[in-house]
PDB file of all heavy atoms in Angstrom:
ATOM      1  N   PHE A   1      17.507   3.512   8.350  1.00  0.00           N
ATOM      2  CA  PHE A   1      18.096   2.255   7.993  1.00  0.00           C
ATOM      3  C   PHE A   1      18.102   1.998   6.466  1.00  0.00           C
ATOM      4  O   PHE A   1      19.138   1.801   5.793  1.00  0.00           O
ATOM      5  CB  PHE A   1      17.460   1.048   8.705  1.00  0.00           C
ATOM      6  CG  PHE A   1      17.894  -0.251   8.280  1.00  0.00           C
ATOM      7  CD1 PHE A   1      19.221  -0.660   8.407  1.00  0.00           C
ATOM      8  CD2 PHE A   1      16.957  -1.001   7.666  1.00  0.00           C
ATOM      9  CE1 PHE A   1      19.541  -1.939   7.826  1.00  0.00           C
ATOM     10  CE2 PHE A   1      17.354  -2.316   7.139  1.00  0.00           C
ATOM     11  CZ  PHE A   1      18.620  -2.689   7.291  1.00  0.00           C
ATOM     12  N   PHE A   2      16.983   2.002   5.863  1.00  0.00           N
ATOM     13  CA  PHE A   2      16.928   1.778   4.309  1.00  0.00           C
ATOM     14  C   PHE A   2      17.532   2.761   3.558  1.00  0.00           C
ATOM     15  O   PHE A   2      18.268   2.514   2.549  1.00  0.00           O
ATOM     16  CB  PHE A   2      15.428   1.428   4.032  1.00  0.00           C
ATOM     17  CG  PHE A   2      15.061  -0.098   4.330  1.00  0.00           C
ATOM     18  CD1 PHE A   2      14.060  -0.214   5.176  1.00  0.00           C
ATOM     19  CD2 PHE A   2      15.774  -1.083   3.782  1.00  0.00           C
ATOM     20  CE1 PHE A   2      13.676  -1.589   5.421  1.00  0.00           C
ATOM     21  CE2 PHE A   2      15.376  -2.455   4.088  1.00  0.00           C
ATOM     22  CZ  PHE A   2      14.352  -2.624   4.966  1.00  0.00           C
ATOM     23  N   PRO A   3      17.250   4.112   3.931  1.00  0.00           N
ATOM     24  CA  PRO A   3      17.990   5.142   3.154  1.00  0.00           C
ATOM     25  C   PRO A   3      19.556   4.985   3.175  1.00  0.00           C
ATOM     26  O   PRO A   3      20.251   5.201   2.213  1.00  0.00           O
ATOM     27  CB  PRO A   3      17.569   6.436   3.741  1.00  0.00           C
ATOM     28  CG  PRO A   3      16.146   6.079   4.279  1.00  0.00           C
ATOM     29  CD  PRO A   3      16.228   4.778   4.720  1.00  0.00           C
ATOM     30  N   LYS A   4      20.010   4.710   4.426  1.00  0.00           N
ATOM     31  CA  LYS A   4      21.445   4.457   4.549  1.00  0.00           C
ATOM     32  C   LYS A   4      21.872   3.303   3.722  1.00  0.00           C
ATOM     33  O   LYS A   4      22.989   3.182   3.165  1.00  0.00           O
ATOM     34  CB  LYS A   4      21.847   4.153   5.922  1.00  0.00           C
ATOM     35  CG  LYS A   4      23.299   4.055   6.300  1.00  0.00           C
ATOM     36  CD  LYS A   4      23.587   4.022   7.748  1.00  0.00           C
ATOM     37  CE  LYS A   4      23.377   5.302   8.525  1.00  0.00           C
ATOM     38  NZ  LYS A   4      23.756   5.173   9.950  1.00  0.00           N
ATOM     39  N   LEU A   5      21.142   2.206   3.655  1.00  0.00           N
ATOM     40  CA  LEU A   5      21.401   0.999   2.848  1.00  0.00           C
ATOM     41  C   LEU A   5      21.594   1.320   1.496  1.00  0.00           C
ATOM     42  O   LEU A   5      22.360   0.727   0.726  1.00  0.00           O
ATOM     43  CB  LEU A   5      20.384  -0.053   3.161  1.00  0.00           C
ATOM     44  CG  LEU A   5      20.759  -1.448   2.759  1.00  0.00           C
ATOM     45  CD1 LEU A   5      22.051  -1.992   3.527  1.00  0.00           C
ATOM     46  CD2 LEU A   5      19.668  -2.392   3.024  1.00  0.00           C
ATOM     47  N   THR A   6      20.731   2.239   0.883  1.00  0.00           N
ATOM     48  CA  THR A   6      20.837   2.581  -0.575  1.00  0.00           C
ATOM     49  C   THR A   6      22.174   3.302  -0.947  1.00  0.00           C
ATOM     50  O   THR A   6      22.558   3.340  -2.014  1.00  0.00           O
ATOM     51  CB  THR A   6      19.670   3.468  -0.961  1.00  0.00           C
ATOM     52  OG1 THR A   6      19.780   4.808  -0.321  1.00  0.00           O
ATOM     53  CG2 THR A   6      18.381   2.890  -0.598  1.00  0.00           C
ATOM     54  N   GLN A   7      22.773   3.871   0.157  1.00  0.00           N
ATOM     55  CA  GLN A   7      23.929   4.589  -0.034  1.00  0.00           C
ATOM     56  C   GLN A   7      25.300   3.662  -0.240  1.00  0.00           C
ATOM     57  O   GLN A   7      26.324   4.190  -0.647  1.00  0.00           O
ATOM     58  CB  GLN A   7      24.274   5.614   1.045  1.00  0.00           C
ATOM     59  CG  GLN A   7      23.201   6.619   1.237  1.00  0.00           C
ATOM     60  CD  GLN A   7      23.389   7.423   2.429  1.00  0.00           C
ATOM     61  OE1 GLN A   7      24.496   7.399   3.144  1.00  0.00           O
ATOM     62  NE2 GLN A   7      22.352   8.142   2.928  1.00  0.00           N
ATOM     63  N   GLN A   8      25.052   2.396   0.067  1.00  0.00           N
ATOM     64  CA  GLN A   8      26.234   1.529   0.069  1.00  0.00           C
ATOM     65  C   GLN A   8      26.450   1.008  -1.249  1.00  0.00           C
ATOM     66  O   GLN A   8      25.532   0.481  -1.967  1.00  0.00           O
ATOM     67  CB  GLN A   8      25.890   0.295   1.097  1.00  0.00           C
ATOM     68  CG  GLN A   8      25.419   0.721   2.450  1.00  0.00           C
ATOM     69  CD  GLN A   8      26.345   1.784   3.014  1.00  0.00           C
ATOM     70  OE1 GLN A   8      27.605   1.659   3.231  1.00  0.00           O
ATOM     71  NE2 GLN A   8      25.794   2.900   3.574  1.00  0.00           N
ATOM     72  N   SER A   9      27.730   0.927  -1.703  1.00  0.00           N
ATOM     73  CA  SER A   9      28.094   0.472  -3.069  1.00  0.00           C
ATOM     74  C   SER A   9      27.869  -0.980  -3.226  1.00  0.00           C
ATOM     75  O   SER A   9      27.730  -1.518  -4.244  1.00  0.00           O
ATOM     76  CB  SER A   9      29.529   0.780  -3.281  1.00  0.00           C
ATOM     77  OG  SER A   9      30.540   0.195  -2.368  1.00  0.00           O
ATOM     78  N   GLN A  10      27.860  -1.724  -2.085  1.00  0.00           N
ATOM     79  CA  GLN A  10      27.642  -3.113  -2.138  1.00  0.00           C
ATOM     80  C   GLN A  10      26.217  -3.595  -2.436  1.00  0.00           C
ATOM     81  O   GLN A  10      25.952  -4.787  -2.684  1.00  0.00           O
ATOM     82  CB  GLN A  10      27.969  -3.805  -0.711  1.00  0.00           C
ATOM     83  CG  GLN A  10      29.457  -3.654  -0.277  1.00  0.00           C
ATOM     84  CD  GLN A  10      29.746  -2.419   0.476  1.00  0.00           C
ATOM     85  OE1 GLN A  10      29.023  -1.451   0.406  1.00  0.00           O
ATOM     86  NE2 GLN A  10      30.795  -2.415   1.303  1.00  0.00           N
ATOM     87  N   VAL A  11      25.374  -2.619  -2.468  1.00  0.00           N
ATOM     88  CA  VAL A  11      23.951  -2.855  -2.701  1.00  0.00           C
ATOM     89  C   VAL A  11      23.667  -2.321  -4.151  1.00  0.00           C
ATOM     90  O   VAL A  11      23.623  -1.154  -4.442  1.00  0.00           O
ATOM     91  CB  VAL A  11      22.968  -2.193  -1.751  1.00  0.00           C
ATOM     92  CG1 VAL A  11      21.496  -2.407  -2.112  1.00  0.00           C
ATOM     93  CG2 VAL A  11      23.316  -2.801  -0.305  1.00  0.00           C
ATOM     94  N   ASP A  12      23.434  -3.253  -5.076  1.00  0.00           N
ATOM     95  CA  ASP A  12      23.201  -2.908  -6.502  1.00  0.00           C
ATOM     96  C   ASP A  12      21.686  -2.452  -6.690  1.00  0.00           C
ATOM     97  O   ASP A  12      21.405  -1.487  -7.378  1.00  0.00           O
ATOM     98  CB  ASP A  12      23.452  -3.961  -7.468  1.00  0.00           C
ATOM     99  CG  ASP A  12      24.999  -4.238  -7.591  1.00  0.00           C
ATOM    100  OD1 ASP A  12      25.802  -3.309  -7.184  1.00  0.00           O
ATOM    101  OD2 ASP A  12      25.507  -5.290  -8.117  1.00  0.00           O
ATOM    102  N   ASN A  13      20.832  -3.218  -6.019  1.00  0.00           N
ATOM    103  CA  ASN A  13      19.396  -2.960  -6.169  1.00  0.00           C
ATOM    104  C   ASN A  13      18.682  -3.057  -4.863  1.00  0.00           C
ATOM    105  O   ASN A  13      19.053  -4.046  -4.067  1.00  0.00           O
ATOM    106  CB  ASN A  13      18.738  -3.920  -7.153  1.00  0.00           C
ATOM    107  CG  ASN A  13      19.364  -3.778  -8.498  1.00  0.00           C
ATOM    108  OD1 ASN A  13      20.126  -4.591  -8.910  1.00  0.00           O
ATOM    109  ND2 ASN A  13      18.978  -2.724  -9.366  1.00  0.00           N
ATOM    110  N   LEU A  14      17.766  -2.229  -4.513  1.00  0.00           N
ATOM    111  CA  LEU A  14      16.900  -2.415  -3.320  1.00  0.00           C
ATOM    112  C   LEU A  14      15.535  -2.404  -3.689  1.00  0.00           C
ATOM    113  O   LEU A  14      15.039  -1.413  -4.275  1.00  0.00           O
ATOM    114  CB  LEU A  14      17.245  -1.247  -2.316  1.00  0.00           C
ATOM    115  CG  LEU A  14      16.412  -1.158  -1.009  1.00  0.00           C
ATOM    116  CD1 LEU A  14      16.692  -2.495  -0.153  1.00  0.00           C
ATOM    117  CD2 LEU A  14      16.572   0.016  -0.228  1.00  0.00           C
ATOM    118  N   TYR A  15      14.851  -3.501  -3.361  1.00  0.00           N
ATOM    119  CA  TYR A  15      13.370  -3.617  -3.604  1.00  0.00           C
ATOM    120  C   TYR A  15      12.656  -3.371  -2.235  1.00  0.00           C
ATOM    121  O   TYR A  15      12.979  -4.155  -1.357  1.00  0.00           O
ATOM    122  CB  TYR A  15      13.122  -4.917  -4.155  1.00  0.00           C
ATOM    123  CG  TYR A  15      13.878  -5.206  -5.369  1.00  0.00           C
ATOM    124  CD1 TYR A  15      15.058  -5.987  -5.369  1.00  0.00           C
ATOM    125  CD2 TYR A  15      13.398  -4.872  -6.665  1.00  0.00           C
ATOM    126  CE1 TYR A  15      15.791  -6.370  -6.581  1.00  0.00           C
ATOM    127  CE2 TYR A  15      14.191  -5.129  -7.824  1.00  0.00           C
ATOM    128  CZ  TYR A  15      15.381  -5.808  -7.706  1.00  0.00           C
ATOM    129  OH  TYR A  15      16.045  -6.141  -8.745  1.00  0.00           O
ATOM    130  N   LEU A  16      11.840  -2.450  -2.123  1.00  0.00           N
ATOM    131  CA  LEU A  16      11.143  -2.140  -0.844  1.00  0.00           C
ATOM    132  C   LEU A  16       9.715  -2.352  -1.032  1.00  0.00           C
ATOM    133  O   LEU A  16       9.021  -1.843  -1.965  1.00  0.00           O
ATOM    134  CB  LEU A  16      11.353  -0.630  -0.439  1.00  0.00           C
ATOM    135  CG  LEU A  16      12.742  -0.416   0.398  1.00  0.00           C
ATOM    136  CD1 LEU A  16      12.802   1.076   0.586  1.00  0.00           C
ATOM    137  CD2 LEU A  16      12.607  -1.038   1.649  1.00  0.00           C
ATOM    138  N   PHE A  17       9.096  -3.016  -0.097  1.00  0.00           N
ATOM    139  CA  PHE A  17       7.718  -3.366  -0.111  1.00  0.00           C
ATOM    140  C   PHE A  17       6.960  -2.836   1.088  1.00  0.00           C
ATOM    141  O   PHE A  17       7.517  -2.834   2.166  1.00  0.00           O
ATOM    142  CB  PHE A  17       7.575  -4.955   0.043  1.00  0.00           C
ATOM    143  CG  PHE A  17       7.998  -5.649  -1.183  1.00  0.00           C
ATOM    144  CD1 PHE A  17       9.398  -5.839  -1.379  1.00  0.00           C
ATOM    145  CD2 PHE A  17       7.166  -6.069  -2.154  1.00  0.00           C
ATOM    146  CE1 PHE A  17       9.845  -6.615  -2.619  1.00  0.00           C
ATOM    147  CE2 PHE A  17       7.532  -6.824  -3.313  1.00  0.00           C
ATOM    148  CZ  PHE A  17       8.943  -6.935  -3.444  1.00  0.00           C
ATOM    149  N   ASP A  18       5.849  -2.350   0.905  1.00  0.00           N
ATOM    150  CA  ASP A  18       4.824  -1.866   1.994  1.00  0.00           C
ATOM    151  C   ASP A  18       3.526  -1.828   1.478  1.00  0.00           C
ATOM    152  O   ASP A  18       3.329  -1.460   0.340  1.00  0.00           O
ATOM    153  CB  ASP A  18       5.305  -0.427   2.546  1.00  0.00           C
ATOM    154  CG  ASP A  18       4.979  -0.465   4.024  1.00  0.00           C
ATOM    155  OD1 ASP A  18       3.780  -0.160   4.358  1.00  0.00           O
ATOM    156  OD2 ASP A  18       5.924  -0.509   4.839  1.00  0.00           O
ATOM    157  N   ILE A  19       2.534  -2.183   2.267  1.00  0.00           N
ATOM    158  CA  ILE A  19       1.209  -2.114   2.001  1.00  0.00           C
ATOM    159  C   ILE A  19       0.548  -0.747   2.106  1.00  0.00           C
ATOM    160  O   ILE A  19      -0.524  -0.593   1.504  1.00  0.00           O
ATOM    161  CB  ILE A  19       0.326  -3.150   2.799  1.00  0.00           C
ATOM    162  CG1 ILE A  19      -1.092  -3.352   2.336  1.00  0.00           C
ATOM    163  CG2 ILE A  19       0.306  -2.676   4.285  1.00  0.00           C
ATOM    164  CD1 ILE A  19      -1.096  -3.913   0.939  1.00  0.00           C
ATOM    165  N   ALA A  20       1.163   0.216   2.807  1.00  0.00           N
ATOM    166  CA  ALA A  20       0.544   1.542   3.032  1.00  0.00           C
ATOM    167  C   ALA A  20       1.248   2.522   2.066  1.00  0.00           C
ATOM    168  O   ALA A  20       2.405   2.753   2.155  1.00  0.00           O
ATOM    169  CB  ALA A  20       0.793   1.898   4.421  1.00  0.00           C
ATOM    170  N   PRO A  21       0.490   3.124   1.189  1.00  0.00           N
ATOM    171  CA  PRO A  21       1.064   4.105   0.251  1.00  0.00           C
ATOM    172  C   PRO A  21       1.849   5.173   1.018  1.00  0.00           C
ATOM    173  O   PRO A  21       2.840   5.672   0.623  1.00  0.00           O
ATOM    174  CB  PRO A  21      -0.158   4.725  -0.490  1.00  0.00           C
ATOM    175  CG  PRO A  21      -1.231   3.555  -0.448  1.00  0.00           C
ATOM    176  CD  PRO A  21      -0.977   2.894   0.925  1.00  0.00           C
ATOM    177  N   ILE A  22       1.354   5.602   2.156  1.00  0.00           N
ATOM    178  CA  ILE A  22       2.002   6.638   2.921  1.00  0.00           C
ATOM    179  C   ILE A  22       3.294   6.393   3.356  1.00  0.00           C
ATOM    180  O   ILE A  22       4.276   7.201   3.486  1.00  0.00           O
ATOM    181  CB  ILE A  22       1.128   7.142   4.093  1.00  0.00           C
ATOM    182  CG1 ILE A  22       1.626   8.478   4.753  1.00  0.00           C
ATOM    183  CG2 ILE A  22       1.027   6.041   5.148  1.00  0.00           C
ATOM    184  CD1 ILE A  22       0.682   9.044   5.697  1.00  0.00           C
ATOM    185  N   GLN A  23       3.622   5.078   3.674  1.00  0.00           N
ATOM    186  CA  GLN A  23       4.931   4.591   4.013  1.00  0.00           C
ATOM    187  C   GLN A  23       5.863   4.646   2.843  1.00  0.00           C
ATOM    188  O   GLN A  23       7.086   4.971   3.031  1.00  0.00           O
ATOM    189  CB  GLN A  23       4.850   3.170   4.611  1.00  0.00           C
ATOM    190  CG  GLN A  23       4.124   3.138   5.934  1.00  0.00           C
ATOM    191  CD  GLN A  23       4.863   3.800   7.076  1.00  0.00           C
ATOM    192  OE1 GLN A  23       6.130   3.824   7.122  1.00  0.00           O
ATOM    193  NE2 GLN A  23       4.098   4.454   7.927  1.00  0.00           N
ATOM    194  N   ILE A  24       5.446   4.193   1.685  1.00  0.00           N
ATOM    195  CA  ILE A  24       6.286   4.363   0.465  1.00  0.00           C
ATOM    196  C   ILE A  24       6.745   5.763   0.067  1.00  0.00           C
ATOM    197  O   ILE A  24       7.758   6.074  -0.164  1.00  0.00           O
ATOM    198  CB  ILE A  24       5.694   3.543  -0.727  1.00  0.00           C
ATOM    199  CG1 ILE A  24       5.548   2.015  -0.505  1.00  0.00           C
ATOM    200  CG2 ILE A  24       6.446   3.727  -1.950  1.00  0.00           C
ATOM    201  CD1 ILE A  24       4.887   1.227  -1.458  1.00  0.00           C
ATOM    202  N   LYS A  25       5.598   6.669   0.269  1.00  0.00           N
ATOM    203  CA  LYS A  25       5.919   8.013   0.005  1.00  0.00           C
ATOM    204  C   LYS A  25       6.892   8.573   0.977  1.00  0.00           C
ATOM    205  O   LYS A  25       7.722   9.322   0.576  1.00  0.00           O
ATOM    206  CB  LYS A  25       4.493   8.675   0.104  1.00  0.00           C
ATOM    207  CG  LYS A  25       4.607  10.290  -0.281  1.00  0.00           C
ATOM    208  CD  LYS A  25       3.304  10.898  -0.072  1.00  0.00           C
ATOM    209  CE  LYS A  25       3.357  12.386  -0.261  1.00  0.00           C
ATOM    210  NZ  LYS A  25       2.009  13.047  -0.202  1.00  0.00           N
ATOM    211  N   GLN A  26       6.716   8.172   2.286  1.00  0.00           N
ATOM    212  CA  GLN A  26       7.657   8.706   3.285  1.00  0.00           C
ATOM    213  C   GLN A  26       9.162   8.254   3.063  1.00  0.00           C
ATOM    214  O   GLN A  26      10.025   9.042   3.202  1.00  0.00           O
ATOM    215  CB  GLN A  26       7.200   8.278   4.603  1.00  0.00           C
ATOM    216  CG  GLN A  26       7.781   8.891   5.832  1.00  0.00           C
ATOM    217  CD  GLN A  26       7.455  10.398   5.961  1.00  0.00           C
ATOM    218  OE1 GLN A  26       6.638  10.915   5.354  1.00  0.00           O
ATOM    219  NE2 GLN A  26       8.275  11.013   6.697  1.00  0.00           N
ATOM    220  N   VAL A  27       9.280   7.077   2.719  1.00  0.00           N
ATOM    221  CA  VAL A  27      10.754   6.449   2.484  1.00  0.00           C
ATOM    222  C   VAL A  27      11.357   7.157   1.282  1.00  0.00           C
ATOM    223  O   VAL A  27      12.506   7.473   1.254  1.00  0.00           O
ATOM    224  CB  VAL A  27      10.769   4.978   2.595  1.00  0.00           C
ATOM    225  CG1 VAL A  27      10.275   4.458   1.164  1.00  0.00           C
ATOM    226  CG2 VAL A  27      12.188   4.520   2.901  1.00  0.00           C
ATOM    227  N   LYS A  28      10.588   7.423   0.281  1.00  0.00           N
ATOM    228  CA  LYS A  28      11.114   8.044  -0.890  1.00  0.00           C
ATOM    229  C   LYS A  28      11.661   9.418  -0.605  1.00  0.00           C
ATOM    230  O   LYS A  28      12.730   9.913  -1.222  1.00  0.00           O
ATOM    231  CB  LYS A  28       9.920   8.185  -1.892  1.00  0.00           C
ATOM    232  CG  LYS A  28       9.687   6.774  -2.691  1.00  0.00           C
ATOM    233  CD  LYS A  28       8.717   6.984  -3.802  1.00  0.00           C
ATOM    234  CE  LYS A  28       8.417   5.844  -4.649  1.00  0.00           C
ATOM    235  NZ  LYS A  28       7.487   6.041  -5.695  1.00  0.00           N
ATOM    236  N   LYS A  29      11.131  10.171   0.412  1.00  0.00           N
ATOM    237  CA  LYS A  29      11.516  11.495   0.740  1.00  0.00           C
ATOM    238  C   LYS A  29      12.946  11.510   1.254  1.00  0.00           C
ATOM    239  O   LYS A  29      13.678  12.391   1.223  1.00  0.00           O
ATOM    240  CB  LYS A  29      10.526  12.057   1.845  1.00  0.00           C
ATOM    241  CG  LYS A  29       9.198  12.306   1.355  1.00  0.00           C
ATOM    242  CD  LYS A  29       8.402  12.998   2.459  1.00  0.00           C
ATOM    243  CE  LYS A  29       6.929  13.211   2.211  1.00  0.00           C
ATOM    244  NZ  LYS A  29       6.203  13.695   3.263  1.00  0.00           N
ATOM    245  N   LYS A  30      13.380  10.276   1.701  1.00  0.00           N
ATOM    246  CA  LYS A  30      14.645  10.181   2.458  1.00  0.00           C
ATOM    247  C   LYS A  30      15.789   9.646   1.560  1.00  0.00           C
ATOM    248  O   LYS A  30      16.922   9.534   2.065  1.00  0.00           O
ATOM    249  CB  LYS A  30      14.587   9.397   3.658  1.00  0.00           C
ATOM    250  CG  LYS A  30      13.543  10.015   4.777  1.00  0.00           C
ATOM    251  CD  LYS A  30      13.438   9.074   5.987  1.00  0.00           C
ATOM    252  CE  LYS A  30      12.606   7.798   5.586  1.00  0.00           C
ATOM    253  NZ  LYS A  30      12.391   7.025   6.918  1.00  0.00           N
ATOM    254  N   ILE A  31      15.486   9.363   0.302  1.00  0.00           N
ATOM    255  CA  ILE A  31      16.307   8.794  -0.695  1.00  0.00           C
ATOM    256  C   ILE A  31      16.601   9.773  -1.855  1.00  0.00           C
ATOM    257  O   ILE A  31      15.520  10.123  -2.442  1.00  0.00           O
ATOM    258  CB  ILE A  31      15.957   7.370  -1.049  1.00  0.00           C
ATOM    259  CG1 ILE A  31      15.676   6.446   0.060  1.00  0.00           C
ATOM    260  CG2 ILE A  31      17.042   6.824  -2.045  1.00  0.00           C
ATOM    261  CD1 ILE A  31      15.159   5.167  -0.224  1.00  0.00           C
ATOM    262  N   PRO A  32      17.856  10.125  -2.113  1.00  0.00           N
ATOM    263  CA  PRO A  32      17.993  11.080  -3.243  1.00  0.00           C
ATOM    264  C   PRO A  32      17.409  10.516  -4.636  1.00  0.00           C
ATOM    265  O   PRO A  32      17.480   9.226  -4.790  1.00  0.00           O
ATOM    266  CB  PRO A  32      19.486  11.222  -3.384  1.00  0.00           C
ATOM    267  CG  PRO A  32      19.953  10.891  -1.999  1.00  0.00           C
ATOM    268  CD  PRO A  32      18.993   9.864  -1.457  1.00  0.00           C
ATOM    269  N   GLN A  33      16.755  11.404  -5.411  1.00  0.00           N
ATOM    270  CA  GLN A  33      16.136  10.924  -6.546  1.00  0.00           C
ATOM    271  C   GLN A  33      17.034  10.082  -7.526  1.00  0.00           C
ATOM    272  O   GLN A  33      16.591   9.086  -8.156  1.00  0.00           O
ATOM    273  CB  GLN A  33      15.460  12.048  -7.324  1.00  0.00           C
ATOM    274  CG  GLN A  33      14.667  11.641  -8.557  1.00  0.00           C
ATOM    275  CD  GLN A  33      13.490  10.818  -8.151  1.00  0.00           C
ATOM    276  OE1 GLN A  33      12.721  11.139  -7.190  1.00  0.00           O
ATOM    277  NE2 GLN A  33      13.221   9.674  -8.869  1.00  0.00           N
ATOM    278  N   GLN A  34      18.261  10.572  -7.653  1.00  0.00           N
ATOM    279  CA  GLN A  34      19.276   9.844  -8.451  1.00  0.00           C
ATOM    280  C   GLN A  34      19.290   8.355  -7.937  1.00  0.00           C
ATOM    281  O   GLN A  34      19.547   7.422  -8.845  1.00  0.00           O
ATOM    282  CB  GLN A  34      20.559  10.607  -8.464  1.00  0.00           C
ATOM    283  CG  GLN A  34      21.587   9.938  -9.494  1.00  0.00           C
ATOM    284  CD  GLN A  34      22.865  10.741  -9.510  1.00  0.00           C
ATOM    285  OE1 GLN A  34      22.996  11.749  -8.859  1.00  0.00           O
ATOM    286  NE2 GLN A  34      23.845  10.174 -10.318  1.00  0.00           N
ATOM    287  N   VAL A  35      19.586   8.236  -6.625  1.00  0.00           N
ATOM    288  CA  VAL A  35      19.604   6.822  -6.042  1.00  0.00           C
ATOM    289  C   VAL A  35      18.531   5.959  -6.373  1.00  0.00           C
ATOM    290  O   VAL A  35      18.481   4.861  -6.733  1.00  0.00           O
ATOM    291  CB  VAL A  35      19.949   6.936  -4.570  1.00  0.00           C
ATOM    292  CG1 VAL A  35      19.950   5.583  -3.984  1.00  0.00           C
ATOM    293  CG2 VAL A  35      21.253   7.667  -4.334  1.00  0.00           C
ATOM    294  N   ILE A  36      17.335   6.631  -6.198  1.00  0.00           N
ATOM    295  CA  ILE A  36      15.997   6.012  -6.559  1.00  0.00           C
ATOM    296  C   ILE A  36      16.065   5.444  -7.952  1.00  0.00           C
ATOM    297  O   ILE A  36      15.678   4.258  -8.284  1.00  0.00           O
ATOM    298  CB  ILE A  36      14.783   6.844  -6.202  1.00  0.00           C
ATOM    299  CG1 ILE A  36      14.601   7.109  -4.777  1.00  0.00           C
ATOM    300  CG2 ILE A  36      13.483   6.271  -6.900  1.00  0.00           C
ATOM    301  CD1 ILE A  36      13.464   7.956  -4.450  1.00  0.00           C
ATOM    302  N   ASP A  37      16.435   6.394  -8.904  1.00  0.00           N
ATOM    303  CA  ASP A  37      16.411   6.042 -10.276  1.00  0.00           C
ATOM    304  C   ASP A  37      17.445   4.916 -10.596  1.00  0.00           C
ATOM    305  O   ASP A  37      17.187   4.065 -11.578  1.00  0.00           O
ATOM    306  CB  ASP A  37      16.780   7.187 -11.125  1.00  0.00           C
ATOM    307  CG  ASP A  37      15.761   8.321 -11.048  1.00  0.00           C
ATOM    308  OD1 ASP A  37      14.584   7.973 -10.666  1.00  0.00           O
ATOM    309  OD2 ASP A  37      15.982   9.526 -11.339  1.00  0.00           O
ATOM    310  N   ASN A  38      18.519   4.873  -9.914  1.00  0.00           N
ATOM    311  CA  ASN A  38      19.618   3.943 -10.211  1.00  0.00           C
ATOM    312  C   ASN A  38      19.396   2.521  -9.631  1.00  0.00           C
ATOM    313  O   ASN A  38      19.851   1.549 -10.168  1.00  0.00           O
ATOM    314  CB  ASN A  38      20.939   4.593  -9.789  1.00  0.00           C
ATOM    315  CG  ASN A  38      21.391   5.743 -10.599  1.00  0.00           C
ATOM    316  OD1 ASN A  38      20.961   5.804 -11.781  1.00  0.00           O
ATOM    317  ND2 ASN A  38      22.278   6.459 -10.133  1.00  0.00           N
ATOM    318  N   LYS A  39      18.881   2.512  -8.381  1.00  0.00           N
ATOM    319  CA  LYS A  39      18.956   1.240  -7.745  1.00  0.00           C
ATOM    320  C   LYS A  39      17.673   0.807  -6.927  1.00  0.00           C
ATOM    321  O   LYS A  39      17.573  -0.223  -6.349  1.00  0.00           O
ATOM    322  CB  LYS A  39      20.092   1.187  -6.768  1.00  0.00           C
ATOM    323  CG  LYS A  39      20.192   2.202  -5.703  1.00  0.00           C
ATOM    324  CD  LYS A  39      21.271   1.832  -4.581  1.00  0.00           C
ATOM    325  CE  LYS A  39      22.574   1.934  -5.194  1.00  0.00           C
ATOM    326  NZ  LYS A  39      23.757   1.715  -4.091  1.00  0.00           N
ATOM    327  N   CYS A  40      16.621   1.757  -6.926  1.00  0.00           N
ATOM    328  CA  CYS A  40      15.380   1.359  -5.983  1.00  0.00           C
ATOM    329  C   CYS A  40      14.247   1.013  -6.834  1.00  0.00           C
ATOM    330  O   CYS A  40      13.897   1.551  -7.937  1.00  0.00           O
ATOM    331  CB  CYS A  40      15.080   2.474  -5.057  1.00  0.00           C
ATOM    332  SG  CYS A  40      16.440   2.861  -3.950  1.00  0.00           S
ATOM    333  N   GLN A  41      13.490   0.003  -6.334  1.00  0.00           N
ATOM    334  CA  GLN A  41      12.093  -0.193  -6.838  1.00  0.00           C
ATOM    335  C   GLN A  41      11.174  -0.324  -5.600  1.00  0.00           C
ATOM    336  O   GLN A  41      11.634  -0.968  -4.679  1.00  0.00           O
ATOM    337  CB  GLN A  41      12.085  -1.477  -7.665  1.00  0.00           C
ATOM    338  CG  GLN A  41      12.768  -1.406  -8.987  1.00  0.00           C
ATOM    339  CD  GLN A  41      12.571  -2.510  -9.854  1.00  0.00           C
ATOM    340  OE1 GLN A  41      11.421  -3.044 -10.054  1.00  0.00           O
ATOM    341  NE2 GLN A  41      13.598  -3.078 -10.525  1.00  0.00           N
ATOM    342  N   PHE A  42       9.943   0.136  -5.758  1.00  0.00           N
ATOM    343  CA  PHE A  42       9.025   0.176  -4.615  1.00  0.00           C
ATOM    344  C   PHE A  42       7.797  -0.575  -5.102  1.00  0.00           C
ATOM    345  O   PHE A  42       7.324  -0.449  -6.179  1.00  0.00           O
ATOM    346  CB  PHE A  42       8.709   1.637  -4.210  1.00  0.00           C
ATOM    347  CG  PHE A  42       9.865   2.514  -3.812  1.00  0.00           C
ATOM    348  CD1 PHE A  42      10.600   3.103  -4.856  1.00  0.00           C
ATOM    349  CD2 PHE A  42      10.270   2.473  -2.512  1.00  0.00           C
ATOM    350  CE1 PHE A  42      11.682   3.959  -4.461  1.00  0.00           C
ATOM    351  CE2 PHE A  42      11.349   3.236  -2.172  1.00  0.00           C
ATOM    352  CZ  PHE A  42      12.080   4.018  -3.110  1.00  0.00           C
ATOM    353  N   PHE A  43       7.222  -1.380  -4.128  1.00  0.00           N
ATOM    354  CA  PHE A  43       6.043  -2.198  -4.443  1.00  0.00           C
ATOM    355  C   PHE A  43       4.963  -1.909  -3.415  1.00  0.00           C
ATOM    356  O   PHE A  43       5.316  -2.118  -2.123  1.00  0.00           O
ATOM    357  CB  PHE A  43       6.435  -3.652  -4.387  1.00  0.00           C
ATOM    358  CG  PHE A  43       7.526  -4.041  -5.408  1.00  0.00           C
ATOM    359  CD1 PHE A  43       8.856  -3.820  -5.219  1.00  0.00           C
ATOM    360  CD2 PHE A  43       7.147  -4.555  -6.643  1.00  0.00           C
ATOM    361  CE1 PHE A  43       9.859  -4.234  -6.156  1.00  0.00           C
ATOM    362  CE2 PHE A  43       7.998  -4.972  -7.618  1.00  0.00           C
ATOM    363  CZ  PHE A  43       9.433  -4.809  -7.365  1.00  0.00           C
TER     364      PHE A  43
END
């Protein structure tokens, strides 16, 4: 769901929150690095 959302041109920025480091690490694996650099922030 969230990796697919990052691919949409209508989404300029995606801020993703999770309390578990393993969950943030896991979702990052599914999003291309260029997309992460351009529009994603993780908390």
